[in-house]
Protein backbone atom coordinates (compact mmCIF):
# COMPACT_ATOMS: atom_id res chain seq x y z
CA MET A 1 19.94 -5.21 22.43
CA ASN A 2 19.17 -1.65 22.19
CA ILE A 3 21.24 0.03 19.42
CA GLN A 4 21.26 3.67 18.56
CA VAL A 5 23.13 4.98 15.45
CA TYR A 6 23.66 8.67 15.02
CA THR A 7 24.25 9.61 11.20
CA LYS A 8 24.32 12.29 8.74
CA PRO A 9 23.09 12.19 5.10
CA GLY A 10 25.79 11.24 2.55
CA CYS A 11 28.09 9.67 5.07
CA THR A 12 29.66 6.48 3.85
CA TYR A 13 30.75 5.20 7.09
CA CYS A 14 27.22 5.68 8.53
CA ASP A 15 25.81 3.61 5.47
CA GLN A 16 28.50 0.89 6.13
CA ALA A 17 27.71 0.75 9.90
CA LYS A 18 23.82 0.44 9.23
CA ASP A 19 24.53 -2.18 6.40
CA LEU A 20 26.74 -4.15 8.86
CA LEU A 21 24.21 -4.10 11.47
CA THR A 22 21.45 -5.22 9.19
CA LYS A 23 23.67 -8.09 7.83
CA CYS A 24 24.09 -9.15 11.53
CA ASN A 25 20.28 -9.16 11.97
CA LEU A 26 20.68 -6.44 14.63
CA GLN A 27 17.97 -3.97 14.63
CA TYR A 28 18.77 -0.31 15.42
CA GLU A 29 17.17 3.11 15.70
CA GLU A 30 18.69 5.81 13.53
CA PHE A 31 18.96 9.56 14.49
CA VAL A 32 20.03 11.89 11.78
CA VAL A 33 22.08 14.89 13.21
CA GLY A 34 20.60 18.14 12.00
CA ILE A 35 17.06 16.36 11.60
CA HIS A 36 16.38 14.44 14.76
CA ILE A 37 19.01 15.68 17.14
CA THR A 38 21.45 18.63 16.98
CA LYS A 39 25.21 18.33 17.22
CA GLU A 40 25.09 20.07 20.58
CA GLU A 41 22.39 17.53 21.71
CA LEU A 42 24.45 14.70 20.50
CA ILE A 43 27.53 15.83 22.44
CA GLU A 44 25.49 16.15 25.59
CA HIS A 45 23.70 12.78 25.17
CA LEU A 46 27.08 10.96 24.51
CA LYS A 47 28.89 12.99 27.35
CA ARG A 48 31.68 13.39 25.08
CA ASN A 49 32.79 15.85 22.34
CA VAL A 50 32.45 13.90 19.17
CA LYS A 51 33.37 15.36 15.76
CA THR A 52 32.49 12.47 13.46
CA VAL A 53 29.56 10.27 12.58
CA PRO A 54 28.47 7.64 12.84
CA GLN A 55 28.35 7.37 16.46
CA ILE A 56 27.04 4.03 17.78
CA VAL A 57 25.48 3.39 21.34
CA ILE A 58 24.61 -0.20 22.25
CA ASP A 59 22.67 -0.75 25.55
CA LYS A 60 23.79 2.77 26.91
CA GLU A 61 27.42 2.09 26.02
CA VAL A 62 29.06 4.45 23.67
CA ILE A 63 30.83 2.18 21.16
CA GLY A 64 32.10 4.88 18.88
CA GLY A 65 32.36 4.93 15.09
CA PHE A 66 32.32 2.28 12.39
CA ASN A 67 35.73 0.88 13.31
CA HIS A 68 34.78 0.61 16.84
CA LEU A 69 31.57 -1.05 15.85
CA LYS A 70 33.48 -3.83 13.77
CA GLU A 71 35.75 -4.48 16.82
CA TYR A 72 32.79 -4.61 19.09
CA LEU A 73 30.93 -7.09 16.74
CA LEU A 74 34.11 -9.15 16.44
CA ASP A 75 34.30 -9.42 20.31
CA GLN A 76 30.61 -10.32 20.40
CA GLY A 77 30.99 -13.09 17.71
CA TYR A 78 28.90 -11.46 14.99
CA VAL A 79 31.96 -11.17 12.63
CA ASN A 80 35.17 -12.93 12.28
CA PHE A 81 38.60 -11.18 12.16
CA LYS A 82 38.23 -10.59 8.48
CA GLY A 83 34.92 -8.75 9.04
CA GLU A 84 32.85 -11.42 7.48
CA ILE A 85 29.44 -12.16 9.08
CA ILE A 86 29.28 -15.27 11.32
CA ALA A 87 25.98 -17.16 10.90
CA ASP A 88 23.68 -17.43 13.87
CA LYS A 89 24.33 -21.25 14.29
CA GLU A 90 28.07 -20.80 14.01
CA ARG A 91 28.08 -18.07 16.47
CA GLU A 92 26.09 -20.29 18.92
CA THR A 93 28.62 -22.88 18.57
CA ILE A 94 31.62 -20.45 19.14
CA GLN A 95 29.85 -19.07 22.19
CA SER A 96 29.01 -22.46 23.69
CA ASN A 97 32.63 -23.56 23.32
CA SER A 98 33.92 -20.52 25.07
């Protein structure tokens, strides 16, 4: 899984998104807007006019912000509906029963 997280310093939702990905044992590459990429380059890269960060891209699919990331991870079986992390073995069991 290729995950890119576009953030800015001091952003609470950015920190929460990175923390959630880490707790799910998902590696990501972080790009800080204003340091690694300009806002204009981010808009061009995502092909949409975004006004907030974080912006998360997984396998070239623009997921969106932190709440969209939680929904994506719920759909993928990484968290439950309460947002709690699902252990690897439990996730394997859930996926094999689907």
